[in-house]
Amino acid sequence: MTTRIRTLAGDVFFPTAALAVAALCWWAVTVVGDVPAFVLPAPGAVVARLVGNPTLYVHNAWYTLEKVLYGGSVGIAAGFLLAVLVAYLPWFRTAVYPYLVTVRVLPKIAVAPLLLIYLGTGTETAVVFVALITFFPLVLSTAAGLERAPSAHRDLLRSVDAGPLERIVYVDLPYALPDVFAGLKQSVTLAVVGAVVAEWVIADRGLGFLILMGSENVRPDVMLAALAVLLALGLALYGTVVLVQRGVKR
């Protein structure tokens, strides 16, 4: 119990200390270098922007989170189901897997104009874009993980007439969990990136849209405040996956 508490304290302390050092360096650059506020505002100016109008950032953060949760859930669920098919149907894997690998390396931003043509603008299009981005990391990681179980364990299940579902639940999935969670960590972080990109292209609200408006109006304090909220959102989602993974390991 003591070791666990120390580990948790270290996981919180060191990232917090790194963030504090980064903020101090940022402040030093703005003060010592006499950098104009319209180029790089001081940390205090960004905090003042957040505190001065929290409703603006909370509302836009919620719109971004909506896209992340809806799109991420669809992409992760579809990725897991397809990974199961790839892992257990050899003919399906032969037919589909090369294309999954090929499409994985394509820049997803290139798909956004096509989504605009076929789906139009709006939240639904952004959700589809986020789902597309989160889909590929999970399907490839999970498909690889489902093949890691030792053949001796599978032979043992066959000897007691266990069915395919028992094989997945009791043997393959436990061995695949590290790969599944590795894919989940990639997916949740990419979901945030995808939501921001979608808001740049096909949305009229959200943190990504706020960053775009700040850029067009040369307001780096607005942009950095939105980035700070976006960073907190991404860390919260990533941390949630890590906590779930630790809970499953127990």
C-alpha atoms as a PDB file:
ATOM      1  CA  MET A   1       0.000   0.000   0.000  1.00  0.00           C
ATOM      2  CA  THR A   2       2.845   2.384   0.935  1.00  0.00           C
ATOM      3  CA  THR A   3       4.676   1.605  -2.312  1.00  0.00           C
ATOM      4  CA  ARG A   4       1.503   2.279  -4.282  1.00  0.00           C
ATOM      5  CA  ILE A   5       1.018   5.641  -2.566  1.00  0.00           C
ATOM      6  CA  ARG A   6       4.631   6.583  -3.265  1.00  0.00           C
ATOM      7  CA  THR A   7       4.255   5.616  -6.910  1.00  0.00           C
ATOM      8  CA  LEU A   8       1.089   7.680  -7.213  1.00  0.00           C
ATOM      9  CA  ALA A   9       2.740  10.646  -5.480  1.00  0.00           C
ATOM     10  CA  GLY A  10       5.682  10.417  -7.865  1.00  0.00           C
ATOM     11  CA  ASP A  11       3.371  10.237 -10.877  1.00  0.00           C
ATOM     12  CA  VAL A  12       1.753  13.485  -9.731  1.00  0.00           C
ATOM     13  CA  PHE A  13       4.798  15.339  -8.379  1.00  0.00           C
ATOM     14  CA  PHE A  14       7.258  14.989 -11.255  1.00  0.00           C
ATOM     15  CA  PRO A  15       4.902  16.064 -14.060  1.00  0.00           C
ATOM     16  CA  THR A  16       3.705  18.969 -11.900  1.00  0.00           C
ATOM     17  CA  ALA A  17       7.301  20.001 -11.191  1.00  0.00           C
ATOM     18  CA  ALA A  18       8.133  19.807 -14.912  1.00  0.00           C
ATOM     19  CA  LEU A  19       5.123  22.007 -15.703  1.00  0.00           C
ATOM     20  CA  ALA A  20       6.192  24.534 -13.072  1.00  0.00           C
ATOM     21  CA  VAL A  21       9.743  24.677 -14.475  1.00  0.00           C
ATOM     22  CA  ALA A  22       8.371  25.146 -18.014  1.00  0.00           C
ATOM     23  CA  ALA A  23       6.113  27.997 -16.829  1.00  0.00           C
ATOM     24  CA  LEU A  24       9.055  29.625 -15.022  1.00  0.00           C
ATOM     25  CA  CYS A  25      11.201  29.440 -18.175  1.00  0.00           C
ATOM     26  CA  TRP A  26       8.329  30.892 -20.182  1.00  0.00           C
ATOM     27  CA  TRP A  27       8.004  33.782 -17.710  1.00  0.00           C
ATOM     28  CA  ALA A  28      11.764  34.379 -17.777  1.00  0.00           C
ATOM     29  CA  VAL A  29      11.795  34.580 -21.583  1.00  0.00           C
ATOM     30  CA  THR A  30       9.014  37.174 -21.618  1.00  0.00           C
ATOM     31  CA  VAL A  31      10.613  39.307 -18.867  1.00  0.00           C
ATOM     32  CA  VAL A  32      14.339  39.015 -19.552  1.00  0.00           C
ATOM     33  CA  GLY A  33      13.924  39.038 -23.322  1.00  0.00           C
ATOM     34  CA  ASP A  34      11.420  41.897 -23.178  1.00  0.00           C
ATOM     35  CA  VAL A  35       9.185  40.032 -25.636  1.00  0.00           C
ATOM     36  CA  PRO A  36       6.082  42.011 -26.709  1.00  0.00           C
ATOM     37  CA  ALA A  37       2.779  40.667 -25.401  1.00  0.00           C
ATOM     38  CA  PHE A  38       1.360  40.359 -28.923  1.00  0.00           C
ATOM     39  CA  VAL A  39       4.211  37.919 -29.719  1.00  0.00           C
ATOM     40  CA  LEU A  40       4.380  35.918 -26.484  1.00  0.00           C
ATOM     41  CA  PRO A  41       2.254  36.952 -23.496  1.00  0.00           C
ATOM     42  CA  ALA A  42       3.472  36.138 -20.003  1.00  0.00           C
ATOM     43  CA  PRO A  43       1.933  33.188 -18.126  1.00  0.00           C
ATOM     44  CA  GLY A  44       0.106  35.660 -15.880  1.00  0.00           C
ATOM     45  CA  ALA A  45      -1.651  37.196 -18.889  1.00  0.00           C
ATOM     46  CA  VAL A  46      -2.846  33.774 -20.031  1.00  0.00           C
ATOM     47  CA  VAL A  47      -4.108  32.937 -16.542  1.00  0.00           C
ATOM     48  CA  ALA A  48      -5.857  36.327 -16.401  1.00  0.00           C
ATOM     49  CA  ARG A  49      -7.536  35.548 -19.718  1.00  0.00           C
ATOM     50  CA  LEU A  50      -8.800  32.219 -18.360  1.00  0.00           C
ATOM     51  CA  VAL A  51      -9.968  33.698 -15.067  1.00  0.00           C
ATOM     52  CA  GLY A  52     -11.491  36.748 -16.720  1.00  0.00           C
ATOM     53  CA  ASN A  53     -13.801  34.783 -18.988  1.00  0.00           C
ATOM     54  CA  PRO A  54     -14.015  31.165 -17.802  1.00  0.00           C
ATOM     55  CA  THR A  55     -17.449  30.600 -19.365  1.00  0.00           C
ATOM     56  CA  LEU A  56     -16.010  31.065 -22.859  1.00  0.00           C
ATOM     57  CA  TYR A  57     -13.427  28.321 -22.343  1.00  0.00           C
ATOM     58  CA  VAL A  58     -15.686  25.961 -20.421  1.00  0.00           C
ATOM     59  CA  HIS A  59     -18.387  26.079 -23.093  1.00  0.00           C
ATOM     60  CA  ASN A  60     -15.925  25.584 -25.944  1.00  0.00           C
ATOM     61  CA  ALA A  61     -14.149  22.823 -24.034  1.00  0.00           C
ATOM     62  CA  TRP A  62     -17.482  21.045 -23.651  1.00  0.00           C
ATOM     63  CA  TYR A  63     -18.134  21.232 -27.417  1.00  0.00           C
ATOM     64  CA  THR A  64     -14.683  19.787 -28.076  1.00  0.00           C
ATOM     65  CA  LEU A  65     -15.172  17.077 -25.447  1.00  0.00           C
ATOM     66  CA  GLU A  66     -18.482  16.116 -27.058  1.00  0.00           C
ATOM     67  CA  LYS A  67     -16.747  15.437 -30.357  1.00  0.00           C
ATOM     68  CA  VAL A  68     -13.965  13.528 -28.617  1.00  0.00           C
ATOM     69  CA  LEU A  69     -16.334  11.309 -26.629  1.00  0.00           C
ATOM     70  CA  TYR A  70     -18.825  10.585 -29.413  1.00  0.00           C
ATOM     71  CA  GLY A  71     -16.285  10.164 -32.185  1.00  0.00           C
ATOM     72  CA  GLY A  72     -13.794   8.361 -29.966  1.00  0.00           C
ATOM     73  CA  SER A  73     -16.412   5.904 -28.708  1.00  0.00           C
ATOM     74  CA  VAL A  74     -17.534   5.056 -32.238  1.00  0.00           C
ATOM     75  CA  GLY A  75     -13.978   4.720 -33.548  1.00  0.00           C
ATOM     76  CA  ILE A  76     -12.784   2.617 -30.592  1.00  0.00           C
ATOM     77  CA  ALA A  77     -15.805   0.287 -30.685  1.00  0.00           C
ATOM     78  CA  ALA A  78     -15.536  -0.201 -34.456  1.00  0.00           C
ATOM     79  CA  GLY A  79     -11.772  -0.711 -34.181  1.00  0.00           C
ATOM     80  CA  PHE A  80     -12.130  -3.397 -31.513  1.00  0.00           C
ATOM     81  CA  LEU A  81     -14.795  -5.291 -33.463  1.00  0.00           C
ATOM     82  CA  LEU A  82     -12.748  -5.202 -36.662  1.00  0.00           C
ATOM     83  CA  ALA A  83      -9.638  -6.309 -34.741  1.00  0.00           C
ATOM     84  CA  VAL A  84     -11.521  -9.401 -33.532  1.00  0.00           C
ATOM     85  CA  LEU A  85     -12.509 -10.235 -37.109  1.00  0.00           C
ATOM     86  CA  VAL A  86      -8.937  -9.728 -38.313  1.00  0.00           C
ATOM     87  CA  ALA A  87      -7.547 -11.923 -35.537  1.00  0.00           C
ATOM     88  CA  TYR A  88      -9.962 -14.852 -35.923  1.00  0.00           C
ATOM     89  CA  LEU A  89     -10.870 -14.935 -39.613  1.00  0.00           C
ATOM     90  CA  PRO A  90      -7.715 -15.704 -41.646  1.00  0.00           C
ATOM     91  CA  TRP A  91      -9.369 -14.955 -45.001  1.00  0.00           C
ATOM     92  CA  PHE A  92     -10.627 -11.615 -43.679  1.00  0.00           C
ATOM     93  CA  ARG A  93      -7.171 -10.722 -42.351  1.00  0.00           C
ATOM     94  CA  THR A  94      -5.587 -11.547 -45.707  1.00  0.00           C
ATOM     95  CA  ALA A  95      -8.119  -9.393 -47.521  1.00  0.00           C
ATOM     96  CA  VAL A  96      -8.214  -6.374 -45.212  1.00  0.00           C
ATOM     97  CA  TYR A  97      -5.019  -6.086 -43.149  1.00  0.00           C
ATOM     98  CA  PRO A  98      -2.731  -4.712 -45.918  1.00  0.00           C
ATOM     99  CA  TYR A  99      -5.218  -1.899 -46.546  1.00  0.00           C
ATOM    100  CA  LEU A 100      -5.495  -1.114 -42.831  1.00  0.00           C
ATOM    101  CA  VAL A 101      -1.729  -0.689 -42.632  1.00  0.00           C
ATOM    102  CA  THR A 102      -1.656   1.403 -45.798  1.00  0.00           C
ATOM    103  CA  VAL A 103      -4.493   3.721 -44.781  1.00  0.00           C
ATOM    104  CA  ARG A 104      -2.968   4.060 -41.302  1.00  0.00           C
ATOM    105  CA  VAL A 105      -0.001   6.006 -42.699  1.00  0.00           C
ATOM    106  CA  LEU A 106      -2.114   8.386 -44.775  1.00  0.00           C
ATOM    107  CA  PRO A 107      -2.597  11.900 -43.333  1.00  0.00           C
ATOM    108  CA  LYS A 108      -6.189  11.954 -42.097  1.00  0.00           C
ATOM    109  CA  ILE A 109      -6.467  15.707 -42.646  1.00  0.00           C
ATOM    110  CA  ALA A 110      -6.656  14.905 -46.370  1.00  0.00           C
ATOM    111  CA  VAL A 111     -10.020  13.210 -45.727  1.00  0.00           C
ATOM    112  CA  ALA A 112     -11.605  16.329 -44.197  1.00  0.00           C
ATOM    113  CA  PRO A 113     -12.465  17.995 -47.567  1.00  0.00           C
ATOM    114  CA  LEU A 114     -14.172  14.774 -48.687  1.00  0.00           C
ATOM    115  CA  LEU A 115     -16.238  14.698 -45.498  1.00  0.00           C
ATOM    116  CA  LEU A 116     -17.246  18.279 -46.199  1.00  0.00           C
ATOM    117  CA  ILE A 117     -18.549  17.262 -49.618  1.00  0.00           C
ATOM    118  CA  TYR A 118     -20.391  14.145 -48.469  1.00  0.00           C
ATOM    119  CA  LEU A 119     -21.604  15.142 -44.995  1.00  0.00           C
ATOM    120  CA  GLY A 120     -21.510  18.929 -44.969  1.00  0.00           C
ATOM    121  CA  THR A 121     -20.485  21.058 -42.009  1.00  0.00           C
ATOM    122  CA  GLY A 122     -21.537  20.504 -38.436  1.00  0.00           C
ATOM    123  CA  THR A 123     -20.928  18.374 -35.390  1.00  0.00           C
ATOM    124  CA  GLU A 124     -21.784  15.103 -37.143  1.00  0.00           C
ATOM    125  CA  THR A 125     -18.980  15.561 -39.656  1.00  0.00           C
ATOM    126  CA  ALA A 126     -16.495  16.357 -36.881  1.00  0.00           C
ATOM    127  CA  VAL A 127     -17.599  13.217 -34.990  1.00  0.00           C
ATOM    128  CA  VAL A 128     -17.010  11.087 -38.091  1.00  0.00           C
ATOM    129  CA  PHE A 129     -13.555  12.628 -38.531  1.00  0.00           C
ATOM    130  CA  VAL A 130     -12.622  11.907 -34.899  1.00  0.00           C
ATOM    131  CA  ALA A 131     -13.943   8.346 -35.219  1.00  0.00           C
ATOM    132  CA  LEU A 132     -11.800   7.835 -38.316  1.00  0.00           C
ATOM    133  CA  ILE A 133      -8.659   9.026 -36.536  1.00  0.00           C
ATOM    134  CA  THR A 134      -9.205   6.909 -33.405  1.00  0.00           C
ATOM    135  CA  PHE A 135     -10.129   3.785 -35.349  1.00  0.00           C
ATOM    136  CA  PHE A 136      -6.769   2.764 -36.795  1.00  0.00           C
ATOM    137  CA  PRO A 137      -4.464   2.774 -33.734  1.00  0.00           C
ATOM    138  CA  LEU A 138      -6.844   0.543 -31.809  1.00  0.00           C
ATOM    139  CA  VAL A 139      -7.600  -1.946 -34.566  1.00  0.00           C
ATOM    140  CA  LEU A 140      -3.926  -2.572 -35.364  1.00  0.00           C
ATOM    141  CA  SER A 141      -2.789  -2.803 -31.723  1.00  0.00           C
ATOM    142  CA  THR A 142      -5.676  -5.041 -30.675  1.00  0.00           C
ATOM    143  CA  ALA A 143      -5.332  -7.357 -33.670  1.00  0.00           C
ATOM    144  CA  ALA A 144      -1.650  -7.859 -32.824  1.00  0.00           C
ATOM    145  CA  GLY A 145      -2.393  -8.366 -29.128  1.00  0.00           C
ATOM    146  CA  LEU A 146      -5.043 -11.026 -29.709  1.00  0.00           C
ATOM    147  CA  GLU A 147      -2.351 -13.254 -31.235  1.00  0.00           C
ATOM    148  CA  ARG A 148       0.015 -13.123 -28.247  1.00  0.00           C
ATOM    149  CA  ALA A 149      -1.538 -15.911 -26.156  1.00  0.00           C
ATOM    150  CA  PRO A 150       0.644 -19.067 -25.945  1.00  0.00           C
ATOM    151  CA  SER A 151      -0.607 -21.899 -28.117  1.00  0.00           C
ATOM    152  CA  ALA A 152      -0.404 -24.251 -25.111  1.00  0.00           C
ATOM    153  CA  HIS A 153      -3.140 -22.254 -23.363  1.00  0.00           C
ATOM    154  CA  ARG A 154      -5.364 -22.439 -26.413  1.00  0.00           C
ATOM    155  CA  ASP A 155      -4.767 -26.176 -26.720  1.00  0.00           C
ATOM    156  CA  LEU A 156      -5.793 -26.582 -23.091  1.00  0.00           C
ATOM    157  CA  LEU A 157      -9.108 -24.850 -23.758  1.00  0.00           C
ATOM    158  CA  ARG A 158      -9.736 -27.023 -26.783  1.00  0.00           C
ATOM    159  CA  SER A 159      -9.139 -30.130 -24.656  1.00  0.00           C
ATOM    160  CA  VAL A 160     -12.076 -29.154 -22.429  1.00  0.00           C
ATOM    161  CA  ASP A 161     -14.311 -28.275 -25.397  1.00  0.00           C
ATOM    162  CA  ALA A 162     -14.241 -24.532 -24.714  1.00  0.00           C
ATOM    163  CA  GLY A 163     -15.853 -22.421 -27.403  1.00  0.00           C
ATOM    164  CA  PRO A 164     -14.457 -19.386 -29.266  1.00  0.00           C
ATOM    165  CA  LEU A 165     -15.997 -16.942 -26.776  1.00  0.00           C
ATOM    166  CA  GLU A 166     -14.311 -18.664 -23.813  1.00  0.00           C
ATOM    167  CA  ARG A 167     -11.017 -18.580 -25.693  1.00  0.00           C
ATOM    168  CA  ILE A 168     -11.310 -14.832 -26.252  1.00  0.00           C
ATOM    169  CA  VAL A 169     -12.429 -13.978 -22.715  1.00  0.00           C
ATOM    170  CA  TYR A 170     -10.167 -16.271 -20.680  1.00  0.00           C
ATOM    171  CA  VAL A 171      -7.012 -16.525 -22.780  1.00  0.00           C
ATOM    172  CA  ASP A 172      -6.619 -14.154 -25.710  1.00  0.00           C
ATOM    173  CA  LEU A 173      -8.024 -10.955 -24.215  1.00  0.00           C
ATOM    174  CA  PRO A 174      -5.957 -11.060 -20.977  1.00  0.00           C
ATOM    175  CA  TYR A 175      -2.768 -11.432 -23.027  1.00  0.00           C
ATOM    176  CA  ALA A 176      -3.926  -8.715 -25.410  1.00  0.00           C
ATOM    177  CA  LEU A 177      -4.697  -6.122 -22.712  1.00  0.00           C
ATOM    178  CA  PRO A 178      -1.281  -4.348 -22.869  1.00  0.00           C
ATOM    179  CA  ASP A 179      -1.714  -3.875 -26.617  1.00  0.00           C
ATOM    180  CA  VAL A 180      -5.372  -2.862 -26.254  1.00  0.00           C
ATOM    181  CA  PHE A 181      -4.501  -0.171 -23.716  1.00  0.00           C
ATOM    182  CA  ALA A 182      -1.533   0.984 -25.800  1.00  0.00           C
ATOM    183  CA  GLY A 183      -3.960   1.469 -28.680  1.00  0.00           C
ATOM    184  CA  LEU A 184      -6.456   3.206 -26.397  1.00  0.00           C
ATOM    185  CA  LYS A 185      -3.813   5.678 -25.217  1.00  0.00           C
ATOM    186  CA  GLN A 186      -2.992   6.538 -28.802  1.00  0.00           C
ATOM    187  CA  SER A 187      -6.671   6.784 -29.709  1.00  0.00           C
ATOM    188  CA  VAL A 188      -7.693   9.157 -26.913  1.00  0.00           C
ATOM    189  CA  THR A 189      -4.807  11.523 -27.596  1.00  0.00           C
ATOM    190  CA  LEU A 190      -5.462  11.439 -31.335  1.00  0.00           C
ATOM    191  CA  ALA A 191      -9.161  12.014 -30.652  1.00  0.00           C
ATOM    192  CA  VAL A 192      -8.288  15.388 -29.123  1.00  0.00           C
ATOM    193  CA  VAL A 193      -6.056  16.230 -32.079  1.00  0.00           C
ATOM    194  CA  GLY A 194      -8.777  15.133 -34.486  1.00  0.00           C
ATOM    195  CA  ALA A 195     -11.420  17.234 -32.753  1.00  0.00           C
ATOM    196  CA  VAL A 196      -9.230  20.346 -32.986  1.00  0.00           C
ATOM    197  CA  VAL A 197      -8.441  19.758 -36.656  1.00  0.00           C
ATOM    198  CA  ALA A 198     -12.126  19.181 -37.367  1.00  0.00           C
ATOM    199  CA  GLU A 199     -12.993  22.438 -35.611  1.00  0.00           C
ATOM    200  CA  TRP A 200     -10.487  24.269 -37.784  1.00  0.00           C
ATOM    201  CA  VAL A 201     -12.090  22.949 -40.944  1.00  0.00           C
ATOM    202  CA  ILE A 202     -15.748  22.102 -40.375  1.00  0.00           C
ATOM    203  CA  ALA A 203     -16.967  23.574 -37.081  1.00  0.00           C
ATOM    204  CA  ASP A 204     -17.970  26.954 -35.708  1.00  0.00           C
ATOM    205  CA  ARG A 205     -17.323  26.356 -32.002  1.00  0.00           C
ATOM    206  CA  GLY A 206     -14.942  24.469 -29.731  1.00  0.00           C
ATOM    207  CA  LEU A 207     -11.383  25.000 -28.530  1.00  0.00           C
ATOM    208  CA  GLY A 208      -9.982  24.453 -32.021  1.00  0.00           C
ATOM    209  CA  PHE A 209     -12.283  27.128 -33.424  1.00  0.00           C
ATOM    210  CA  LEU A 210     -11.268  29.439 -30.558  1.00  0.00           C
ATOM    211  CA  ILE A 211      -7.594  28.926 -31.394  1.00  0.00           C
ATOM    212  CA  LEU A 212      -8.321  29.693 -35.050  1.00  0.00           C
ATOM    213  CA  MET A 213     -10.164  32.904 -34.161  1.00  0.00           C
ATOM    214  CA  GLY A 214      -7.330  33.941 -31.844  1.00  0.00           C
ATOM    215  CA  SER A 215      -4.840  33.378 -34.664  1.00  0.00           C
ATOM    216  CA  GLU A 216      -6.849  35.425 -37.160  1.00  0.00           C
ATOM    217  CA  ASN A 217      -7.162  38.306 -34.675  1.00  0.00           C
ATOM    218  CA  VAL A 218      -3.539  38.085 -33.491  1.00  0.00           C
ATOM    219  CA  ARG A 219      -4.519  37.250 -29.900  1.00  0.00           C
ATOM    220  CA  PRO A 220      -1.861  34.850 -28.614  1.00  0.00           C
ATOM    221  CA  ASP A 221      -3.270  35.116 -25.078  1.00  0.00           C
ATOM    222  CA  VAL A 222      -6.593  33.680 -26.299  1.00  0.00           C
ATOM    223  CA  MET A 223      -4.776  30.973 -28.248  1.00  0.00           C
ATOM    224  CA  LEU A 224      -2.514  29.975 -25.346  1.00  0.00           C
ATOM    225  CA  ALA A 225      -5.433  29.953 -22.895  1.00  0.00           C
ATOM    226  CA  ALA A 226      -7.348  27.621 -25.227  1.00  0.00           C
ATOM    227  CA  LEU A 227      -4.234  25.465 -25.620  1.00  0.00           C
ATOM    228  CA  ALA A 228      -3.896  25.242 -21.837  1.00  0.00           C
ATOM    229  CA  VAL A 229      -7.483  23.999 -21.532  1.00  0.00           C
ATOM    230  CA  LEU A 230      -6.879  21.608 -24.407  1.00  0.00           C
ATOM    231  CA  LEU A 231      -3.772  20.270 -22.669  1.00  0.00           C
ATOM    232  CA  ALA A 232      -5.733  19.703 -19.460  1.00  0.00           C
ATOM    233  CA  LEU A 233      -8.460  17.920 -21.427  1.00  0.00           C
ATOM    234  CA  GLY A 234      -5.982  15.627 -23.149  1.00  0.00           C
ATOM    235  CA  LEU A 235      -4.162  14.821 -19.907  1.00  0.00           C
ATOM    236  CA  ALA A 236      -7.458  14.032 -18.165  1.00  0.00           C
ATOM    237  CA  LEU A 237      -8.482  11.600 -20.908  1.00  0.00           C
ATOM    238  CA  TYR A 238      -5.067   9.947 -21.011  1.00  0.00           C
ATOM    239  CA  GLY A 239      -4.981   9.719 -17.225  1.00  0.00           C
ATOM    240  CA  THR A 240      -8.410   8.079 -17.214  1.00  0.00           C
ATOM    241  CA  VAL A 241      -7.145   5.333 -19.527  1.00  0.00           C
ATOM    242  CA  VAL A 242      -4.083   4.828 -17.320  1.00  0.00           C
ATOM    243  CA  LEU A 243      -6.238   4.537 -14.186  1.00  0.00           C
ATOM    244  CA  VAL A 244      -8.541   2.020 -15.882  1.00  0.00           C
ATOM    245  CA  GLN A 245      -5.514   0.000 -16.977  1.00  0.00           C
ATOM    246  CA  ARG A 246      -4.132  -0.071 -13.434  1.00  0.00           C
ATOM    247  CA  GLY A 247      -7.542  -1.098 -12.097  1.00  0.00           C
ATOM    248  CA  VAL A 248      -7.732  -3.969 -14.599  1.00  0.00           C
ATOM    249  CA  LYS A 249      -4.220  -5.158 -13.643  1.00  0.00           C
ATOM    250  CA  ARG A 250      -5.299  -5.481 -10.024  1.00  0.00           C
END
